[in-house]
Amino acid sequence: MKKLITAATAFTVAFALLTGCSGNTATTAQSTESEEAKQETVQETEQEAVQETAQETEQEAVQETAQEEPVEIQVFIAASLNTVMQDVKAAYEADHPNVTIVLNPDSSGKLLTQIEEGYECDVFFSAAQKQMNTLQDTDGLVVEGTRHNVVNNQVVVVSRKDSGTSVTGLADIGNAESIALADGSVPVGRYTRVAMAALGILPETEDPSVYTTQEVSDALGGVEISEQSNVSKVLAAVVEGSCEVGTTYYSDTYGYEDQLDILEKVSYDLTGNVIYPIAQVKNDQASDAQAATAADFVEFVASDQMKPVFEGYYFDTNVE
């Protein structure tokens, strides 16, 4: 009986050991598989990280190359902007050493005609809404979403300090012996005619810019008028003394304070606001880099950062 018990006991112990060993083997196998899976996951994660780093490095290299690529853009600006835009140009080029801004100043009307005729232009900065409206609505050449109103200006009547003129402003400008006046296609010439119509000097009409220089002269009693093709030439005629008085912009008197008297700042009630809009121009000849630079330059000019620069040249930046 004891032998039977002993044998049974031995068999039980052996079975238990065998079962226990089998269980440990299965557990070990599962543990090994789990570790291998973790290692594979870690390796995959490391590979993905390496790939992402490589892609980011490649993208940064492409961006740096694009930033270093020399870019030149053509910027058409109203003549009255020429002085202040030299400072704006210098500021932008200092931040973008690879960029060259080429400024083309003239009357807004002449610049519009040049763009319509196919002159290469990337940015248009006009002295009036009329020319920009034509470029946008009639010609379809304004890049959508890039138009901004940047500054306001004011028409002024000026004379040399030693002119001895009896003229006090636009209302009695006909008392001058000679007047420098821009033609009606030039914004300052148009605004002057608008104010004259408001004062009753010229007959009211939908667009006073249609009045010729001769018609203005006749309305003023036959006074001699020297017609000029842009506002800078009007200013020069007065500064040089070839004309007794002239109408120009307040901003154009910057730097001439010792030579000119401002006889009148013509009220906005007479001229309306003198808003200067800027926009990127559709240019089929421009590269992607040029187009991107033109868009960025427009935003730079219209930014709050540039407001003190414009204000320093007598422009009003409180515009909508």
C-alpha atoms as a PDB file:
ATOM      1  CA  MET A   1       0.000   0.000   0.000  1.00  0.00           C
ATOM      2  CA  LYS A   2       2.834   2.379   0.851  1.00  0.00           C
ATOM      3  CA  LYS A   3       4.490   1.621  -2.479  1.00  0.00           C
ATOM      4  CA  LEU A   4       1.319   2.490  -4.300  1.00  0.00           C
ATOM      5  CA  ILE A   5       1.019   5.787  -2.423  1.00  0.00           C
ATOM      6  CA  THR A   6       4.633   6.577  -3.096  1.00  0.00           C
ATOM      7  CA  ALA A   7       4.259   5.866  -6.784  1.00  0.00           C
ATOM      8  CA  ALA A   8       1.135   7.975  -6.982  1.00  0.00           C
ATOM      9  CA  THR A   9       2.852  10.783  -5.171  1.00  0.00           C
ATOM     10  CA  ALA A  10       5.844  10.614  -7.466  1.00  0.00           C
ATOM     11  CA  PHE A  11       3.604  10.642 -10.494  1.00  0.00           C
ATOM     12  CA  THR A  12       1.749  13.710  -9.147  1.00  0.00           C
ATOM     13  CA  VAL A  13       4.981  15.582  -8.461  1.00  0.00           C
ATOM     14  CA  ALA A  14       6.360  14.707 -11.884  1.00  0.00           C
ATOM     15  CA  PHE A  15       3.146  15.822 -13.591  1.00  0.00           C
ATOM     16  CA  ALA A  16       3.197  19.080 -11.654  1.00  0.00           C
ATOM     17  CA  LEU A  17       6.788  19.742 -12.634  1.00  0.00           C
ATOM     18  CA  LEU A  18       6.081  18.926 -16.232  1.00  0.00           C
ATOM     19  CA  THR A  19       3.061  21.197 -16.283  1.00  0.00           C
ATOM     20  CA  GLY A  20       4.961  23.969 -14.560  1.00  0.00           C
ATOM     21  CA  CYS A  21       7.786  23.784 -17.068  1.00  0.00           C
ATOM     22  CA  SER A  22       5.373  23.911 -19.973  1.00  0.00           C
ATOM     23  CA  GLY A  23       3.722  27.015 -18.501  1.00  0.00           C
ATOM     24  CA  ASN A  24       7.059  28.793 -18.065  1.00  0.00           C
ATOM     25  CA  THR A  25       8.039  27.961 -21.638  1.00  0.00           C
ATOM     26  CA  ALA A  26       4.818  29.502 -23.023  1.00  0.00           C
ATOM     27  CA  THR A  27       5.235  32.593 -20.866  1.00  0.00           C
ATOM     28  CA  THR A  28       8.817  33.000 -21.988  1.00  0.00           C
ATOM     29  CA  ALA A  29       7.803  32.682 -25.634  1.00  0.00           C
ATOM     30  CA  GLN A  30       5.089  35.318 -25.228  1.00  0.00           C
ATOM     31  CA  SER A  31       7.526  37.656 -23.481  1.00  0.00           C
ATOM     32  CA  THR A  32      10.050  37.237 -26.277  1.00  0.00           C
ATOM     33  CA  GLU A  33       7.446  38.004 -28.933  1.00  0.00           C
ATOM     34  CA  SER A  34       6.366  41.134 -27.000  1.00  0.00           C
ATOM     35  CA  GLU A  35       9.947  42.411 -26.782  1.00  0.00           C
ATOM     36  CA  GLU A  36      10.464  41.853 -30.511  1.00  0.00           C
ATOM     37  CA  ALA A  37       7.271  43.756 -31.278  1.00  0.00           C
ATOM     38  CA  LYS A  38       8.435  46.658 -29.101  1.00  0.00           C
ATOM     39  CA  GLN A  39      11.802  46.720 -30.835  1.00  0.00           C
ATOM     40  CA  GLU A  40      10.132  46.747 -34.231  1.00  0.00           C
ATOM     41  CA  THR A  41       7.898  49.653 -33.131  1.00  0.00           C
ATOM     42  CA  VAL A  42      10.898  51.607 -31.833  1.00  0.00           C
ATOM     43  CA  GLN A  43      12.792  50.984 -35.073  1.00  0.00           C
ATOM     44  CA  GLU A  44       9.809  52.133 -37.163  1.00  0.00           C
ATOM     45  CA  THR A  45       9.434  55.276 -35.013  1.00  0.00           C
ATOM     46  CA  GLU A  46      13.136  56.053 -35.361  1.00  0.00           C
ATOM     47  CA  GLN A  47      12.979  55.587 -39.122  1.00  0.00           C
ATOM     48  CA  GLU A  48       9.939  57.901 -39.395  1.00  0.00           C
ATOM     49  CA  ALA A  49      11.707  60.538 -37.292  1.00  0.00           C
ATOM     50  CA  VAL A  50      14.790  60.339 -39.508  1.00  0.00           C
ATOM     51  CA  GLN A  51      12.638  60.679 -42.640  1.00  0.00           C
ATOM     52  CA  GLU A  52      10.735  63.678 -41.217  1.00  0.00           C
ATOM     53  CA  THR A  53      14.010  65.367 -40.219  1.00  0.00           C
ATOM     54  CA  ALA A  54      15.400  64.785 -43.707  1.00  0.00           C
ATOM     55  CA  GLN A  55      12.259  66.236 -45.312  1.00  0.00           C
ATOM     56  CA  GLU A  56      12.333  69.290 -43.034  1.00  0.00           C
ATOM     57  CA  THR A  57      16.011  69.833 -43.798  1.00  0.00           C
ATOM     58  CA  GLU A  58      15.327  69.582 -47.518  1.00  0.00           C
ATOM     59  CA  GLN A  59      12.425  72.049 -47.280  1.00  0.00           C
ATOM     60  CA  GLU A  60      14.559  74.507 -45.298  1.00  0.00           C
ATOM     61  CA  ALA A  61      17.300  74.221 -47.907  1.00  0.00           C
ATOM     62  CA  VAL A  62      14.808  74.957 -50.682  1.00  0.00           C
ATOM     63  CA  GLN A  63      13.451  77.968 -48.791  1.00  0.00           C
ATOM     64  CA  GLU A  64      16.956  79.301 -48.121  1.00  0.00           C
ATOM     65  CA  THR A  65      17.830  78.900 -51.785  1.00  0.00           C
ATOM     66  CA  ALA A  66      14.658  80.759 -52.793  1.00  0.00           C
ATOM     67  CA  GLN A  67      15.470  83.528 -50.331  1.00  0.00           C
ATOM     68  CA  GLU A  68      18.987  83.862 -51.695  1.00  0.00           C
ATOM     69  CA  GLU A  69      17.887  83.883 -55.337  1.00  0.00           C
ATOM     70  CA  PRO A  70      18.225  87.427 -56.777  1.00  0.00           C
ATOM     71  CA  VAL A  71      14.792  88.916 -57.446  1.00  0.00           C
ATOM     72  CA  GLU A  72      13.911  92.202 -59.136  1.00  0.00           C
ATOM     73  CA  ILE A  73      10.411  93.678 -59.266  1.00  0.00           C
ATOM     74  CA  GLN A  74       9.018  96.702 -61.093  1.00  0.00           C
ATOM     75  CA  VAL A  75       6.998  99.083 -58.913  1.00  0.00           C
ATOM     76  CA  PHE A  76       5.021 101.873 -60.615  1.00  0.00           C
ATOM     77  CA  ILE A  77       4.395 104.766 -58.212  1.00  0.00           C
ATOM     78  CA  ALA A  78       2.660 108.141 -58.413  1.00  0.00           C
ATOM     79  CA  ALA A  79       5.214 110.948 -58.750  1.00  0.00           C
ATOM     80  CA  SER A  80       4.176 112.376 -55.370  1.00  0.00           C
ATOM     81  CA  LEU A  81       5.347 109.157 -53.726  1.00  0.00           C
ATOM     82  CA  ASN A  82       8.873 109.226 -55.092  1.00  0.00           C
ATOM     83  CA  THR A  83      10.596 110.697 -52.025  1.00  0.00           C
ATOM     84  CA  VAL A  84       8.920 108.584 -49.343  1.00  0.00           C
ATOM     85  CA  MET A  85       9.178 105.412 -51.404  1.00  0.00           C
ATOM     86  CA  GLN A  86      12.960 105.732 -51.490  1.00  0.00           C
ATOM     87  CA  ASP A  87      12.868 105.143 -47.736  1.00  0.00           C
ATOM     88  CA  VAL A  88      10.338 102.310 -48.023  1.00  0.00           C
ATOM     89  CA  LYS A  89      12.422 100.655 -50.738  1.00  0.00           C
ATOM     90  CA  ALA A  90      15.585 100.910 -48.609  1.00  0.00           C
ATOM     91  CA  ALA A  91      13.830  99.388 -45.586  1.00  0.00           C
ATOM     92  CA  TYR A  92      12.492  96.435 -47.582  1.00  0.00           C
ATOM     93  CA  GLU A  93      15.784  95.738 -49.337  1.00  0.00           C
ATOM     94  CA  ALA A  94      17.607  95.836 -45.990  1.00  0.00           C
ATOM     95  CA  ASP A  95      15.341  93.013 -44.772  1.00  0.00           C
ATOM     96  CA  HIS A  96      15.594  91.166 -48.114  1.00  0.00           C
ATOM     97  CA  PRO A  97      19.180  91.457 -49.409  1.00  0.00           C
ATOM     98  CA  ASN A  98      18.383  89.354 -52.483  1.00  0.00           C
ATOM     99  CA  VAL A  99      15.614  91.736 -53.647  1.00  0.00           C
ATOM    100  CA  THR A 100      15.933  94.815 -55.842  1.00  0.00           C
ATOM    101  CA  ILE A 101      12.965  97.207 -56.032  1.00  0.00           C
ATOM    102  CA  VAL A 102      12.906  99.269 -59.228  1.00  0.00           C
ATOM    103  CA  LEU A 103      10.735 102.375 -58.785  1.00  0.00           C
ATOM    104  CA  ASN A 104       9.086 104.005 -61.796  1.00  0.00           C
ATOM    105  CA  PRO A 105       7.543 107.368 -60.745  1.00  0.00           C
ATOM    106  CA  ASP A 106       5.160 109.338 -62.965  1.00  0.00           C
ATOM    107  CA  SER A 107       1.579 110.535 -63.077  1.00  0.00           C
ATOM    108  CA  SER A 108      -0.914 107.799 -62.184  1.00  0.00           C
ATOM    109  CA  GLY A 109      -2.715 108.292 -65.500  1.00  0.00           C
ATOM    110  CA  LYS A 110       0.463 107.802 -67.532  1.00  0.00           C
ATOM    111  CA  LEU A 111       1.467 104.761 -65.470  1.00  0.00           C
ATOM    112  CA  LEU A 112      -1.953 103.197 -65.997  1.00  0.00           C
ATOM    113  CA  THR A 113      -1.591 103.659 -69.756  1.00  0.00           C
ATOM    114  CA  GLN A 114       1.855 102.037 -69.689  1.00  0.00           C
ATOM    115  CA  ILE A 115       0.518  99.012 -67.804  1.00  0.00           C
ATOM    116  CA  GLU A 116      -2.375  98.690 -70.246  1.00  0.00           C
ATOM    117  CA  GLU A 117       0.104  98.845 -73.128  1.00  0.00           C
ATOM    118  CA  GLY A 118       2.007  95.879 -71.729  1.00  0.00           C
ATOM    119  CA  TYR A 119       4.875  97.467 -69.806  1.00  0.00           C
ATOM    120  CA  GLU A 120       6.247  94.993 -67.266  1.00  0.00           C
ATOM    121  CA  CYS A 121       4.862  95.967 -63.867  1.00  0.00           C
ATOM    122  CA  ASP A 122       4.530  93.998 -60.625  1.00  0.00           C
ATOM    123  CA  VAL A 123       3.062  96.618 -58.266  1.00  0.00           C
ATOM    124  CA  PHE A 124       0.994  99.769 -58.889  1.00  0.00           C
ATOM    125  CA  PHE A 125       0.778 102.504 -56.234  1.00  0.00           C
ATOM    126  CA  SER A 126      -1.638 105.156 -57.489  1.00  0.00           C
ATOM    127  CA  ALA A 127      -2.391 108.676 -56.263  1.00  0.00           C
ATOM    128  CA  ALA A 128      -6.113 108.167 -56.882  1.00  0.00           C
ATOM    129  CA  GLN A 129      -8.785 105.491 -56.805  1.00  0.00           C
ATOM    130  CA  LYS A 130      -9.856 106.244 -60.390  1.00  0.00           C
ATOM    131  CA  GLN A 131      -6.791 104.722 -62.046  1.00  0.00           C
ATOM    132  CA  MET A 132      -6.778 101.708 -59.731  1.00  0.00           C
ATOM    133  CA  ASN A 133     -10.490 101.133 -60.360  1.00  0.00           C
ATOM    134  CA  THR A 134      -9.830 101.093 -64.088  1.00  0.00           C
ATOM    135  CA  LEU A 135      -6.940  98.665 -63.694  1.00  0.00           C
ATOM    136  CA  GLN A 136      -9.071  96.386 -61.523  1.00  0.00           C
ATOM    137  CA  ASP A 137     -12.583  96.604 -62.954  1.00  0.00           C
ATOM    138  CA  THR A 138     -11.999  97.394 -66.622  1.00  0.00           C
ATOM    139  CA  ASP A 139      -8.625  95.798 -67.311  1.00  0.00           C
ATOM    140  CA  GLY A 140      -8.832  92.929 -64.792  1.00  0.00           C
ATOM    141  CA  LEU A 141      -5.124  93.285 -63.993  1.00  0.00           C
ATOM    142  CA  VAL A 142      -5.233  93.617 -60.191  1.00  0.00           C
ATOM    143  CA  VAL A 143      -4.363  90.430 -58.296  1.00  0.00           C
ATOM    144  CA  GLU A 144      -7.388  89.616 -56.169  1.00  0.00           C
ATOM    145  CA  GLY A 145      -7.073  90.368 -52.471  1.00  0.00           C
ATOM    146  CA  THR A 146      -3.941  92.540 -52.776  1.00  0.00           C
ATOM    147  CA  ARG A 147      -5.508  96.007 -52.990  1.00  0.00           C
ATOM    148  CA  HIS A 148      -5.036  98.296 -49.978  1.00  0.00           C
ATOM    149  CA  ASN A 149      -5.706 101.972 -49.259  1.00  0.00           C
ATOM    150  CA  VAL A 150      -2.432 103.188 -47.787  1.00  0.00           C
ATOM    151  CA  VAL A 151      -2.472 106.973 -47.265  1.00  0.00           C
ATOM    152  CA  ASN A 152      -4.501 110.149 -47.707  1.00  0.00           C
ATOM    153  CA  ASN A 153      -3.055 113.415 -49.012  1.00  0.00           C
ATOM    154  CA  GLN A 154      -4.199 117.018 -49.350  1.00  0.00           C
ATOM    155  CA  VAL A 155      -4.154 119.481 -52.233  1.00  0.00           C
ATOM    156  CA  VAL A 156      -2.349 122.732 -51.415  1.00  0.00           C
ATOM    157  CA  VAL A 157      -1.904 126.067 -53.173  1.00  0.00           C
ATOM    158  CA  VAL A 158       1.756 127.139 -53.018  1.00  0.00           C
ATOM    159  CA  SER A 159       4.038 129.993 -54.079  1.00  0.00           C
ATOM    160  CA  ARG A 160       7.676 130.911 -53.620  1.00  0.00           C
ATOM    161  CA  LYS A 161       8.379 132.792 -50.403  1.00  0.00           C
ATOM    162  CA  ASP A 162       9.604 135.790 -52.390  1.00  0.00           C
ATOM    163  CA  SER A 163       6.766 135.758 -54.943  1.00  0.00           C
ATOM    164  CA  GLY A 164       4.865 138.673 -53.424  1.00  0.00           C
ATOM    165  CA  THR A 165       1.609 137.083 -54.623  1.00  0.00           C
ATOM    166  CA  SER A 166      -1.764 138.451 -53.577  1.00  0.00           C
ATOM    167  CA  VAL A 167      -3.327 134.999 -53.933  1.00  0.00           C
ATOM    168  CA  THR A 168      -4.596 133.551 -50.659  1.00  0.00           C
ATOM    169  CA  GLY A 169      -5.932 130.246 -51.938  1.00  0.00           C
ATOM    170  CA  LEU A 170      -7.907 128.462 -54.605  1.00  0.00           C
ATOM    171  CA  ALA A 171     -10.865 130.843 -54.476  1.00  0.00           C
ATOM    172  CA  ASP A 172      -8.795 133.801 -55.750  1.00  0.00           C
ATOM    173  CA  ILE A 173      -6.099 131.882 -57.649  1.00  0.00           C
ATOM    174  CA  GLY A 174      -7.137 133.760 -60.787  1.00  0.00           C
ATOM    175  CA  ASN A 175      -5.410 136.864 -59.388  1.00  0.00           C
ATOM    176  CA  ALA A 176      -2.033 135.287 -60.136  1.00  0.00           C
ATOM    177  CA  GLU A 177      -0.095 136.256 -63.247  1.00  0.00           C
ATOM    178  CA  SER A 178       0.724 132.600 -63.937  1.00  0.00           C
ATOM    179  CA  ILE A 179      -0.337 129.222 -62.570  1.00  0.00           C
ATOM    180  CA  ALA A 180       1.307 125.798 -62.721  1.00  0.00           C
ATOM    181  CA  LEU A 181      -1.453 123.214 -63.110  1.00  0.00           C
ATOM    182  CA  ALA A 182      -1.415 119.498 -63.873  1.00  0.00           C
ATOM    183  CA  ASP A 183      -3.666 118.292 -66.653  1.00  0.00           C
ATOM    184  CA  GLY A 184      -6.926 116.522 -65.883  1.00  0.00           C
ATOM    185  CA  SER A 185      -5.519 113.012 -66.305  1.00  0.00           C
ATOM    186  CA  VAL A 186      -3.158 113.618 -63.378  1.00  0.00           C
ATOM    187  CA  PRO A 187      -4.825 113.059 -59.984  1.00  0.00           C
ATOM    188  CA  VAL A 188      -3.734 116.417 -58.514  1.00  0.00           C
ATOM    189  CA  GLY A 189      -5.050 118.137 -61.645  1.00  0.00           C
ATOM    190  CA  ARG A 190      -8.343 116.311 -61.328  1.00  0.00           C
ATOM    191  CA  TYR A 191      -8.688 117.096 -57.607  1.00  0.00           C
ATOM    192  CA  THR A 192      -7.962 120.773 -58.337  1.00  0.00           C
ATOM    193  CA  ARG A 193     -10.734 120.832 -60.944  1.00  0.00           C
ATOM    194  CA  VAL A 194     -13.121 119.055 -58.550  1.00  0.00           C
ATOM    195  CA  ALA A 195     -12.465 121.749 -55.932  1.00  0.00           C
ATOM    196  CA  MET A 196     -12.917 124.526 -58.504  1.00  0.00           C
ATOM    197  CA  ALA A 197     -16.279 123.057 -59.478  1.00  0.00           C
ATOM    198  CA  ALA A 198     -17.270 122.908 -55.805  1.00  0.00           C
ATOM    199  CA  LEU A 199     -16.320 126.588 -55.466  1.00  0.00           C
ATOM    200  CA  GLY A 200     -18.340 127.518 -58.546  1.00  0.00           C
ATOM    201  CA  ILE A 201     -15.296 128.500 -60.603  1.00  0.00           C
ATOM    202  CA  LEU A 202     -16.037 125.662 -63.041  1.00  0.00           C
ATOM    203  CA  PRO A 203     -19.504 124.352 -63.922  1.00  0.00           C
ATOM    204  CA  GLU A 204     -20.560 121.259 -61.980  1.00  0.00           C
ATOM    205  CA  THR A 205     -20.102 118.048 -63.952  1.00  0.00           C
ATOM    206  CA  GLU A 206     -19.880 114.337 -63.233  1.00  0.00           C
ATOM    207  CA  ASP A 207     -16.156 114.278 -63.947  1.00  0.00           C
ATOM    208  CA  PRO A 208     -14.409 117.668 -63.745  1.00  0.00           C
ATOM    209  CA  SER A 209     -11.172 116.103 -65.021  1.00  0.00           C
ATOM    210  CA  VAL A 210     -12.583 116.529 -68.550  1.00  0.00           C
ATOM    211  CA  TYR A 211     -12.069 120.300 -68.346  1.00  0.00           C
ATOM    212  CA  THR A 212      -9.080 121.286 -70.456  1.00  0.00           C
ATOM    213  CA  THR A 213      -6.399 123.643 -69.254  1.00  0.00           C
ATOM    214  CA  GLN A 214      -7.703 126.271 -71.657  1.00  0.00           C
ATOM    215  CA  GLU A 215     -11.199 125.943 -70.221  1.00  0.00           C
ATOM    216  CA  VAL A 216      -9.814 126.411 -66.706  1.00  0.00           C
ATOM    217  CA  SER A 217      -7.904 129.479 -67.887  1.00  0.00           C
ATOM    218  CA  ASP A 218     -11.054 130.943 -69.446  1.00  0.00           C
ATOM    219  CA  ALA A 219     -13.003 130.317 -66.225  1.00  0.00           C
ATOM    220  CA  LEU A 220     -10.319 132.229 -64.317  1.00  0.00           C
ATOM    221  CA  GLY A 221     -10.464 135.223 -66.644  1.00  0.00           C
ATOM    222  CA  GLY A 222      -7.765 134.212 -69.087  1.00  0.00           C
ATOM    223  CA  VAL A 223      -4.884 133.769 -66.623  1.00  0.00           C
ATOM    224  CA  GLU A 224      -1.747 132.158 -68.042  1.00  0.00           C
ATOM    225  CA  ILE A 225      -1.564 128.463 -67.097  1.00  0.00           C
ATOM    226  CA  SER A 226       1.489 126.286 -67.575  1.00  0.00           C
ATOM    227  CA  GLU A 227       0.166 122.739 -67.984  1.00  0.00           C
ATOM    228  CA  GLN A 228       2.325 120.038 -66.394  1.00  0.00           C
ATOM    229  CA  SER A 229       2.287 116.269 -66.866  1.00  0.00           C
ATOM    230  CA  ASN A 230       2.762 115.329 -63.196  1.00  0.00           C
ATOM    231  CA  VAL A 231       2.747 116.839 -59.728  1.00  0.00           C
ATOM    232  CA  SER A 232       6.540 116.980 -59.428  1.00  0.00           C
ATOM    233  CA  LYS A 233       6.747 119.215 -62.491  1.00  0.00           C
ATOM    234  CA  VAL A 234       4.101 121.525 -61.016  1.00  0.00           C
ATOM    235  CA  LEU A 235       6.191 121.857 -57.882  1.00  0.00           C
ATOM    236  CA  ALA A 236       9.367 122.503 -59.886  1.00  0.00           C
ATOM    237  CA  ALA A 237       7.681 125.275 -61.892  1.00  0.00           C
ATOM    238  CA  VAL A 238       6.805 127.115 -58.674  1.00  0.00           C
ATOM    239  CA  VAL A 239      10.132 126.478 -56.916  1.00  0.00           C
ATOM    240  CA  GLU A 240      12.057 127.693 -59.966  1.00  0.00           C
ATOM    241  CA  GLY A 241       9.886 130.805 -60.134  1.00  0.00           C
ATOM    242  CA  SER A 242       8.566 130.222 -63.641  1.00  0.00           C
ATOM    243  CA  CYS A 243       5.010 130.289 -62.248  1.00  0.00           C
ATOM    244  CA  GLU A 244       3.670 132.516 -59.466  1.00  0.00           C
ATOM    245  CA  VAL A 245       1.490 129.842 -57.852  1.00  0.00           C
ATOM    246  CA  GLY A 246       0.535 126.196 -58.355  1.00  0.00           C
ATOM    247  CA  THR A 247      -1.514 123.374 -56.891  1.00  0.00           C
ATOM    248  CA  THR A 248       0.352 120.373 -55.592  1.00  0.00           C
ATOM    249  CA  TYR A 249       0.115 117.936 -52.675  1.00  0.00           C
ATOM    250  CA  TYR A 250       1.026 118.710 -49.091  1.00  0.00           C
ATOM    251  CA  SER A 251       3.444 115.756 -49.119  1.00  0.00           C
ATOM    252  CA  ASP A 252       5.338 117.306 -52.051  1.00  0.00           C
ATOM    253  CA  THR A 253       6.249 120.351 -49.988  1.00  0.00           C
ATOM    254  CA  TYR A 254       8.458 118.165 -47.769  1.00  0.00           C
ATOM    255  CA  GLY A 255      12.008 119.459 -47.995  1.00  0.00           C
ATOM    256  CA  TYR A 256      10.923 122.773 -49.522  1.00  0.00           C
ATOM    257  CA  GLU A 257       9.745 124.433 -46.328  1.00  0.00           C
ATOM    258  CA  ASP A 258      12.380 127.181 -46.643  1.00  0.00           C
ATOM    259  CA  GLN A 259      11.458 127.949 -50.263  1.00  0.00           C
ATOM    260  CA  LEU A 260       7.669 127.665 -50.391  1.00  0.00           C
ATOM    261  CA  ASP A 261       4.683 129.251 -48.719  1.00  0.00           C
ATOM    262  CA  ILE A 262       1.581 127.116 -48.374  1.00  0.00           C
ATOM    263  CA  LEU A 263      -1.173 129.604 -49.175  1.00  0.00           C
ATOM    264  CA  GLU A 264      -3.994 127.134 -48.525  1.00  0.00           C
ATOM    265  CA  LYS A 265      -4.577 123.511 -47.618  1.00  0.00           C
ATOM    266  CA  VAL A 266      -7.659 122.824 -49.694  1.00  0.00           C
ATOM    267  CA  SER A 267     -10.406 121.258 -47.584  1.00  0.00           C
ATOM    268  CA  TYR A 268     -11.452 117.655 -48.146  1.00  0.00           C
ATOM    269  CA  ASP A 269     -14.984 119.075 -48.362  1.00  0.00           C
ATOM    270  CA  LEU A 270     -13.947 120.525 -51.727  1.00  0.00           C
ATOM    271  CA  THR A 271     -11.697 117.779 -53.110  1.00  0.00           C
ATOM    272  CA  GLY A 272     -12.937 114.666 -51.364  1.00  0.00           C
ATOM    273  CA  ASN A 273     -10.406 112.286 -49.847  1.00  0.00           C
ATOM    274  CA  VAL A 274      -7.157 111.930 -51.775  1.00  0.00           C
ATOM    275  CA  ILE A 275      -6.647 108.211 -51.200  1.00  0.00           C
ATOM    276  CA  TYR A 276      -3.591 106.351 -52.520  1.00  0.00           C
ATOM    277  CA  PRO A 277      -4.279 102.638 -53.204  1.00  0.00           C
ATOM    278  CA  ILE A 278      -1.659  99.963 -53.852  1.00  0.00           C
ATOM    279  CA  ALA A 279      -2.065  96.525 -55.449  1.00  0.00           C
ATOM    280  CA  GLN A 280      -0.126  93.709 -57.067  1.00  0.00           C
ATOM    281  CA  VAL A 281      -0.449  93.684 -60.853  1.00  0.00           C
ATOM    282  CA  LYS A 282      -0.926  90.511 -62.898  1.00  0.00           C
ATOM    283  CA  ASN A 283       2.345  90.044 -64.743  1.00  0.00           C
ATOM    284  CA  ASP A 284       2.613  87.044 -67.065  1.00  0.00           C
ATOM    285  CA  GLN A 285       6.337  87.655 -67.423  1.00  0.00           C
ATOM    286  CA  ALA A 286       7.020  87.351 -63.691  1.00  0.00           C
ATOM    287  CA  SER A 287       8.607  84.250 -62.171  1.00  0.00           C
ATOM    288  CA  ASP A 288       7.116  82.597 -59.088  1.00  0.00           C
ATOM    289  CA  ALA A 289       9.771  84.320 -56.975  1.00  0.00           C
ATOM    290  CA  GLN A 290       8.924  87.715 -58.457  1.00  0.00           C
ATOM    291  CA  ALA A 291       5.201  87.213 -57.925  1.00  0.00           C
ATOM    292  CA  ALA A 292       5.747  86.152 -54.318  1.00  0.00           C
ATOM    293  CA  THR A 293       8.026  89.128 -53.687  1.00  0.00           C
ATOM    294  CA  ALA A 294       5.533  91.559 -55.250  1.00  0.00           C
ATOM    295  CA  ALA A 295       2.748  90.266 -52.996  1.00  0.00           C
ATOM    296  CA  ASP A 296       4.999  90.526 -49.943  1.00  0.00           C
ATOM    297  CA  PHE A 297       6.125  94.048 -50.844  1.00  0.00           C
ATOM    298  CA  VAL A 298       2.501  95.214 -51.141  1.00  0.00           C
ATOM    299  CA  GLU A 299       1.793  93.920 -47.628  1.00  0.00           C
ATOM    300  CA  PHE A 300       4.986  95.563 -46.366  1.00  0.00           C
ATOM    301  CA  VAL A 301       4.004  98.976 -47.779  1.00  0.00           C
ATOM    302  CA  ALA A 302       0.494  98.705 -46.282  1.00  0.00           C
ATOM    303  CA  SER A 303       1.730  97.512 -42.875  1.00  0.00           C
ATOM    304  CA  ASP A 304       1.602  99.455 -39.612  1.00  0.00           C
ATOM    305  CA  GLN A 305       5.403  99.336 -39.626  1.00  0.00           C
ATOM    306  CA  MET A 306       5.517 101.791 -42.540  1.00  0.00           C
ATOM    307  CA  LYS A 307       2.962 104.286 -41.184  1.00  0.00           C
ATOM    308  CA  PRO A 308       5.538 106.428 -39.331  1.00  0.00           C
ATOM    309  CA  VAL A 309       7.600 106.621 -42.527  1.00  0.00           C
ATOM    310  CA  PHE A 310       4.670 107.998 -44.536  1.00  0.00           C
ATOM    311  CA  GLU A 311       3.648 110.346 -41.735  1.00  0.00           C
ATOM    312  CA  GLY A 312       7.177 111.753 -41.699  1.00  0.00           C
ATOM    313  CA  TYR A 313       6.578 112.949 -45.270  1.00  0.00           C
ATOM    314  CA  TYR A 314       3.247 114.670 -44.429  1.00  0.00           C
ATOM    315  CA  PHE A 315       0.940 111.846 -45.517  1.00  0.00           C
ATOM    316  CA  ASP A 316      -2.139 110.986 -43.471  1.00  0.00           C
ATOM    317  CA  THR A 317      -2.228 107.252 -42.633  1.00  0.00           C
ATOM    318  CA  ASN A 318      -5.632 107.325 -40.934  1.00  0.00           C
ATOM    319  CA  VAL A 319      -7.445 105.646 -43.832  1.00  0.00           C
ATOM    320  CA  GLU A 320      -9.797 102.696 -44.181  1.00  0.00           C
END
